[in-house]
Each structure stands twice: as C-alpha cells, then as structure tokens.
C-alpha cells in the first residue's frame, strides 16, 4: 500500500469516526474502504475491528464525566455484550457473509422507522415503563452483540435504536452508553481476530489512532447538540447508508431468477 493510499484511508477513517459517534454504522464505510484498497476480506474485518476499539475508547472518554451514561444498566449490558461478541467473532470463520448487505440495509431502514416514530407523551403524565421493555432490551443487546462481533456494520446504530425503544433512554444517553459497550464488543472481537492472525497490525494501529482522535472530537460535538438535532442527524445518515447499501452492495443477482 502506497503512502498516498494510507493518507486516503486515514482521511476516510477520520471523517467517518467524527460523524459515527452519533450515527454508528462505522464499518459500513470503513470495511468497504479497506476492500477497495485491496485488503483481503478477513484481514479487513480484523483490522477494522482493531481500529474500532480505538474509536470506541476515544468516543467514550468525553462521556465519562457527568450523567450522560446509563450507569445502573451498564454492568449487565457489558457482560451480555462480551458473551455475544465472542460468538459473533467466531462466526466470521464459519458463516458466509455475501448476503449481509441486504440484511444490513433492511435493518437500517427499520432503525430509521423506529427513531422517526413519534412517541407523544401528555404533559401531565409520566410514561409507565413497560414490564417487557427491559427484558427485550437485554435480549436485543445479546443478539446484536453477536452481530457486532461478526461484522459490526450498523451494530451501534441498531443498538442505539433498540435502547431508545426498549429502555426508553433519552437519545444522548443511548448514544453515550453504546460507546462504552462498544469498547467491550470491539476489544473481545479484536482479541479473537488477533488469535486467528487476520489483523494487519501496522495499518490497524495507524487507522485506530486516527479514529480515536476523530471520535474524541465527535463526542465533544455531540454533547453540544440538542435531542432533536441528534435524532435528525442520526436518521439522515442511517437513510443514506441504507440506500447506499441497497444500491451498491446487495448481490441482487442471487435473488433474481436465474441468479
């Protein structure tokens, strides 16, 4: 890989890390970028996961102060994430991933629908927490962690939407808490990829450092946005990524007659 290639990749990873603090879906951009520069698929997944670990750490630090994090639920969420991520990372070496783009695109559209759905609450009442909501939230955390360890594309995006819907978290709290959880998910997956020898360490360290800086800037910017602004930015990027995935990455020939 030439110095110009490294510079171009670093710029892509930096810009993605700044915006993905809010939107997630980092790997939907970074993995295709690595593939476009000739990195083999399993090496791209492993190297990307190493960079994501650095991104998650950089994004988490600005949220550690104050009350942005959902601290009471955090230990259980981290444990579930560690278990699911181990399973997901091991699946990389056993499951073909050629239909993942269609699954991801459909999931992203579902995410946008969940976030856009109005949830009006009369000013004189306080919403009663659902008895099934928290259980569903923890279940989705485990299932999504499997996906996060496997590919991670859209993982934080889906997790954010799931927690907003099930735990009734404010959007900023969901965004902040996913960053801590994603440290656990990315780290355990990275260890498994390292064990299997599919990480390009020099490239991963470079891109990880770039993403950590970008994520730190993005997190500080996020803390200044309003709840409405966060939702609009989140949904806008999710819809763009869904369209991009449907148009450019879904292997439509497999689903057409004679494909």
Protein backbone atom coordinates (compact mmCIF):
# COMPACT_ATOMS: atom_id res chain seq x y z
CA UNK A 1 0.00 0.00 0.00
CA UNK A 2 1.47 3.37 -1.05
CA UNK A 3 1.79 6.43 1.22
CA UNK A 4 -0.97 8.09 -0.82
CA UNK A 5 -3.24 5.09 -0.18
CA UNK A 6 -2.52 5.32 3.54
CA UNK A 7 -3.29 9.03 3.52
CA UNK A 8 -6.59 8.48 1.69
CA UNK A 9 -7.62 5.68 4.07
CA UNK A 10 -6.67 7.77 7.09
CA UNK A 11 -8.84 10.64 5.85
CA UNK A 12 -11.79 8.30 5.25
CA UNK A 13 -11.44 6.74 8.71
CA UNK A 14 -11.05 10.14 10.41
CA UNK A 15 -14.15 11.70 8.84
CA UNK A 16 -16.17 8.55 9.48
CA UNK A 17 -15.16 8.46 13.14
CA UNK A 18 -16.25 12.06 13.74
CA UNK A 19 -19.78 11.54 12.45
CA UNK A 20 -20.23 7.94 13.62
CA UNK A 21 -20.15 8.92 17.29
CA UNK A 22 -23.80 9.85 16.73
CA UNK A 23 -24.79 7.65 13.83
CA UNK A 24 -22.81 4.46 14.33
CA UNK A 25 -22.59 2.30 11.18
CA UNK A 26 -18.84 2.93 11.01
CA UNK A 27 -17.99 -0.39 9.39
CA UNK A 28 -20.48 0.14 6.58
CA UNK A 29 -17.99 2.73 5.32
CA UNK A 30 -14.64 1.59 6.65
CA UNK A 31 -14.77 -2.09 5.66
CA UNK A 32 -15.70 -1.35 2.02
CA UNK A 33 -12.92 1.26 2.02
CA UNK A 34 -10.36 -1.33 3.12
CA UNK A 35 -11.62 -3.77 0.49
CA UNK A 36 -11.37 -1.07 -2.18
CA UNK A 37 -7.68 -0.65 -1.32
CA UNK A 38 -7.03 -4.36 -1.78
CA UNK A 39 -7.17 -5.65 1.79
CA UNK A 40 -8.50 -9.27 1.91
CA UNK A 41 -11.95 -9.66 3.48
CA UNK A 42 -10.98 -11.42 6.73
CA UNK A 43 -7.99 -9.12 7.21
CA UNK A 44 -10.24 -6.12 6.54
CA UNK A 45 -12.69 -7.29 9.23
CA UNK A 46 -9.92 -7.92 11.76
CA UNK A 47 -8.01 -4.69 11.05
CA UNK A 48 -11.24 -2.70 11.11
CA UNK A 49 -12.17 -4.19 14.49
CA UNK A 50 -8.82 -3.09 15.93
CA UNK A 51 -9.45 0.44 14.66
CA UNK A 52 -12.99 0.35 16.07
CA UNK A 53 -11.62 -0.45 19.52
CA UNK A 54 -9.54 2.73 19.43
CA UNK A 55 -12.52 4.68 18.10
CA UNK A 56 -14.72 3.42 20.94
CA UNK A 57 -12.17 4.39 23.58
CA UNK A 58 -11.76 7.85 22.06
CA UNK A 59 -15.54 8.34 21.88
CA UNK A 60 -16.12 7.12 25.43
CA UNK A 61 -13.73 9.44 27.28
CA UNK A 62 -15.74 12.68 26.89
CA UNK A 63 -18.89 10.93 28.17
CA UNK A 64 -17.33 9.61 31.39
CA UNK A 65 -17.98 12.85 33.24
CA UNK A 66 -21.49 13.90 34.13
CA UNK A 67 -24.65 11.82 33.86
CA UNK A 68 -24.69 11.01 30.15
CA UNK A 69 -24.13 7.27 30.76
CA UNK A 70 -26.79 4.81 31.96
CA UNK A 71 -24.59 3.61 34.81
CA UNK A 72 -27.11 1.31 36.58
CA UNK A 73 -27.60 -0.87 33.48
CA UNK A 74 -24.02 -0.66 32.24
CA UNK A 75 -22.51 -3.75 34.01
CA UNK A 76 -25.22 -6.10 32.69
CA UNK A 77 -25.00 -4.60 29.21
CA UNK A 78 -21.22 -5.08 29.12
CA UNK A 79 -21.42 -8.72 30.25
CA UNK A 80 -24.07 -9.56 27.63
CA UNK A 81 -22.01 -7.79 25.00
CA UNK A 82 -18.85 -9.72 25.84
CA UNK A 83 -20.66 -13.05 25.53
CA UNK A 84 -22.36 -12.17 22.25
CA UNK A 85 -19.24 -10.66 20.70
CA UNK A 86 -17.20 -13.82 21.30
CA UNK A 87 -19.84 -15.88 19.49
CA UNK A 88 -20.05 -13.36 16.65
CA UNK A 89 -16.30 -13.12 16.08
CA UNK A 90 -16.02 -16.91 15.89
CA UNK A 91 -18.85 -16.99 13.34
CA UNK A 92 -16.71 -14.96 10.92
CA UNK A 93 -14.73 -18.11 10.24
CA UNK A 94 -17.79 -20.32 9.78
CA UNK A 95 -20.55 -18.33 8.05
CA UNK A 96 -20.52 -16.84 4.51
CA UNK A 97 -21.23 -13.12 4.52
CA UNK A 98 -22.38 -12.47 0.95
CA UNK A 99 -25.99 -11.77 1.90
CA UNK A 100 -25.12 -9.48 4.82
CA UNK A 101 -25.60 -6.25 2.80
CA UNK A 102 -29.31 -6.95 2.26
CA UNK A 103 -29.82 -7.81 5.93
CA UNK A 104 -27.96 -4.65 6.97
CA UNK A 105 -29.92 -2.39 4.62
CA UNK A 106 -33.26 -3.75 5.87
CA UNK A 107 -32.12 -3.36 9.47
CA UNK A 108 -31.05 0.25 8.85
CA UNK A 109 -34.44 1.10 7.34
CA UNK A 110 -36.11 -0.47 10.36
CA UNK A 111 -33.88 1.60 12.63
CA UNK A 112 -34.87 4.81 10.86
CA UNK A 113 -38.54 3.87 11.24
CA UNK A 114 -38.15 3.26 14.97
CA UNK A 115 -36.37 6.55 15.58
CA UNK A 116 -38.75 8.56 13.40
CA UNK A 117 -41.86 7.09 15.03
CA UNK A 118 -43.48 9.78 17.16
CA UNK A 119 -43.96 8.97 20.84
CA UNK A 120 -46.07 11.83 22.19
CA UNK A 121 -46.49 11.95 25.95
CA UNK A 122 -49.18 14.17 27.51
CA UNK A 123 -47.50 16.83 29.62
CA UNK A 124 -49.45 15.88 32.73
CA UNK A 125 -48.44 12.23 32.70
CA UNK A 126 -45.26 10.25 33.11
CA UNK A 127 -44.85 7.22 30.83
CA UNK A 128 -45.18 3.93 32.68
CA UNK A 129 -42.19 1.70 31.99
CA UNK A 130 -43.14 -1.47 30.14
CA UNK A 131 -42.55 -4.71 32.03
CA UNK A 132 -41.35 -6.42 28.88
CA UNK A 133 -39.29 -3.48 27.61
CA UNK A 134 -36.17 -4.03 29.76
CA UNK A 135 -36.18 -7.80 29.15
CA UNK A 136 -36.44 -7.20 25.42
CA UNK A 137 -33.69 -4.61 25.66
CA UNK A 138 -31.26 -7.02 27.32
CA UNK A 139 -32.19 -9.77 24.83
CA UNK A 140 -31.55 -7.47 21.88
CA UNK A 141 -28.26 -6.39 23.46
CA UNK A 142 -27.07 -10.01 23.45
CA UNK A 143 -28.28 -10.77 19.92
CA UNK A 144 -26.86 -7.57 18.49
CA UNK A 145 -23.54 -8.25 20.20
CA UNK A 146 -23.30 -11.46 18.14
CA UNK A 147 -23.75 -9.36 15.02
CA UNK A 148 -21.33 -6.74 16.33
CA UNK A 149 -18.60 -9.31 16.87
CA UNK A 150 -19.25 -10.75 13.42
CA UNK A 151 -19.19 -7.62 11.26
CA UNK A 152 -20.12 -4.53 13.33
CA UNK A 153 -21.55 -2.64 10.34
CA UNK A 154 -24.55 -0.81 11.77
CA UNK A 155 -24.15 -2.50 15.17
CA UNK A 156 -24.03 0.67 17.25
CA UNK A 157 -26.78 2.18 15.12
CA UNK A 158 -29.09 -0.75 15.80
CA UNK A 159 -28.13 -0.84 19.48
CA UNK A 160 -28.90 2.86 19.91
CA UNK A 161 -32.34 2.44 18.36
CA UNK A 162 -33.03 -0.71 20.42
CA UNK A 163 -32.27 1.03 23.71
CA UNK A 164 -34.31 4.10 22.82
CA UNK A 165 -37.27 1.84 22.05
CA UNK A 166 -37.00 -0.71 24.89
CA UNK A 167 -35.32 1.09 27.79
CA UNK A 168 -36.87 4.46 26.84
CA UNK A 169 -33.43 6.04 27.12
CA UNK A 170 -33.02 9.66 26.07
CA UNK A 171 -31.16 9.72 22.77
CA UNK A 172 -27.97 11.26 24.16
CA UNK A 173 -27.83 8.65 26.94
CA UNK A 174 -28.26 5.82 24.44
CA UNK A 175 -25.52 7.26 22.21
CA UNK A 176 -23.13 7.67 25.15
CA UNK A 177 -23.78 4.24 26.66
CA UNK A 178 -23.31 2.42 23.37
CA UNK A 179 -19.81 3.85 23.18
CA UNK A 180 -18.77 2.15 26.43
CA UNK A 181 -20.43 -1.11 25.42
CA UNK A 182 -18.77 -0.96 22.02
CA UNK A 183 -15.35 -0.86 23.70
CA UNK A 184 -16.13 -4.31 25.14
CA UNK A 185 -17.55 -5.62 21.87
CA UNK A 186 -14.69 -4.40 19.69
CA UNK A 187 -11.97 -5.43 22.13
CA UNK A 188 -13.08 -9.03 22.57
CA UNK A 189 -13.62 -9.41 18.81
CA UNK A 190 -10.18 -7.93 18.16
CA UNK A 191 -8.58 -10.46 20.51
CA UNK A 192 -10.21 -13.32 18.62
CA UNK A 193 -9.16 -11.89 15.23
CA UNK A 194 -5.63 -11.49 16.60
CA UNK A 195 -5.67 -15.10 17.79
CA UNK A 196 -6.62 -16.19 14.27
CA UNK A 197 -3.87 -13.99 12.77
CA UNK A 198 -6.06 -11.86 10.49
CA UNK A 199 -5.08 -8.35 11.63
CA UNK A 200 -2.75 -6.04 9.69
CA UNK A 201 -1.21 -4.52 12.81
CA UNK A 202 0.70 -1.54 11.32
CA UNK A 203 -2.36 -0.48 9.30
CA UNK A 204 -4.75 -1.13 12.19
CA UNK A 205 -2.68 0.90 14.67
CA UNK A 206 -2.44 3.83 12.23
CA UNK A 207 -6.16 3.85 11.45
CA UNK A 208 -7.04 3.28 15.10
CA UNK A 209 -5.04 6.33 16.18
CA UNK A 210 -6.75 8.43 13.52
CA UNK A 211 -10.18 7.19 14.60
CA UNK A 212 -9.52 7.79 18.29
CA UNK A 213 -8.77 11.46 17.57
CA UNK A 214 -11.81 11.82 15.32
CA UNK A 215 -14.10 10.10 17.80
CA UNK A 216 -12.97 12.35 20.64
CA UNK A 217 -13.80 15.41 18.57
CA UNK A 218 -17.13 13.90 17.53
CA UNK A 219 -18.12 13.08 21.12
CA UNK A 220 -17.46 16.62 22.32
CA UNK A 221 -19.51 17.92 19.41
CA UNK A 222 -22.33 15.50 20.27
CA UNK A 223 -22.58 16.83 23.82
CA UNK A 224 -23.43 20.27 22.38
CA UNK A 225 -26.27 19.06 20.15
CA UNK A 226 -29.93 19.07 21.15
CA UNK A 227 -32.00 15.89 21.36
CA UNK A 228 -33.84 16.89 18.17
CA UNK A 229 -30.59 17.65 16.36
CA UNK A 230 -29.12 14.29 17.35
CA UNK A 231 -32.18 12.41 16.07
CA UNK A 232 -32.22 14.26 12.75
CA UNK A 233 -28.52 13.66 12.16
CA UNK A 234 -28.85 10.01 13.14
CA UNK A 235 -31.84 9.31 10.88
CA UNK A 236 -30.38 11.24 7.93
CA UNK A 237 -27.15 9.28 7.89
CA UNK A 238 -28.94 5.97 8.51
CA UNK A 239 -31.18 6.51 5.48
CA UNK A 240 -28.22 7.45 3.28
CA UNK A 241 -26.34 4.34 4.37
CA UNK A 242 -29.38 2.15 3.74
CA UNK A 243 -29.74 3.48 0.20
CA UNK A 244 -26.00 3.11 -0.43
CA UNK A 245 -26.06 -0.47 0.78
CA UNK A 246 -29.13 -1.41 -1.27
CA UNK A 247 -27.79 0.15 -4.47
CA UNK A 248 -24.11 -0.75 -4.37
CA UNK A 249 -23.57 -3.71 -2.05
CA UNK A 250 -26.52 -6.10 -2.18
CA UNK A 251 -25.77 -9.07 -4.51
CA UNK A 252 -29.09 -8.75 -6.30
CA UNK A 253 -28.15 -11.45 -8.81
CA UNK A 254 -28.57 -14.04 -6.07
CA UNK A 255 -32.21 -13.05 -5.57
CA UNK A 256 -33.22 -12.75 -9.23
CA UNK A 257 -34.47 -15.63 -11.38
CA UNK A 258 -31.51 -17.49 -12.81
CA UNK A 259 -29.13 -15.83 -10.33
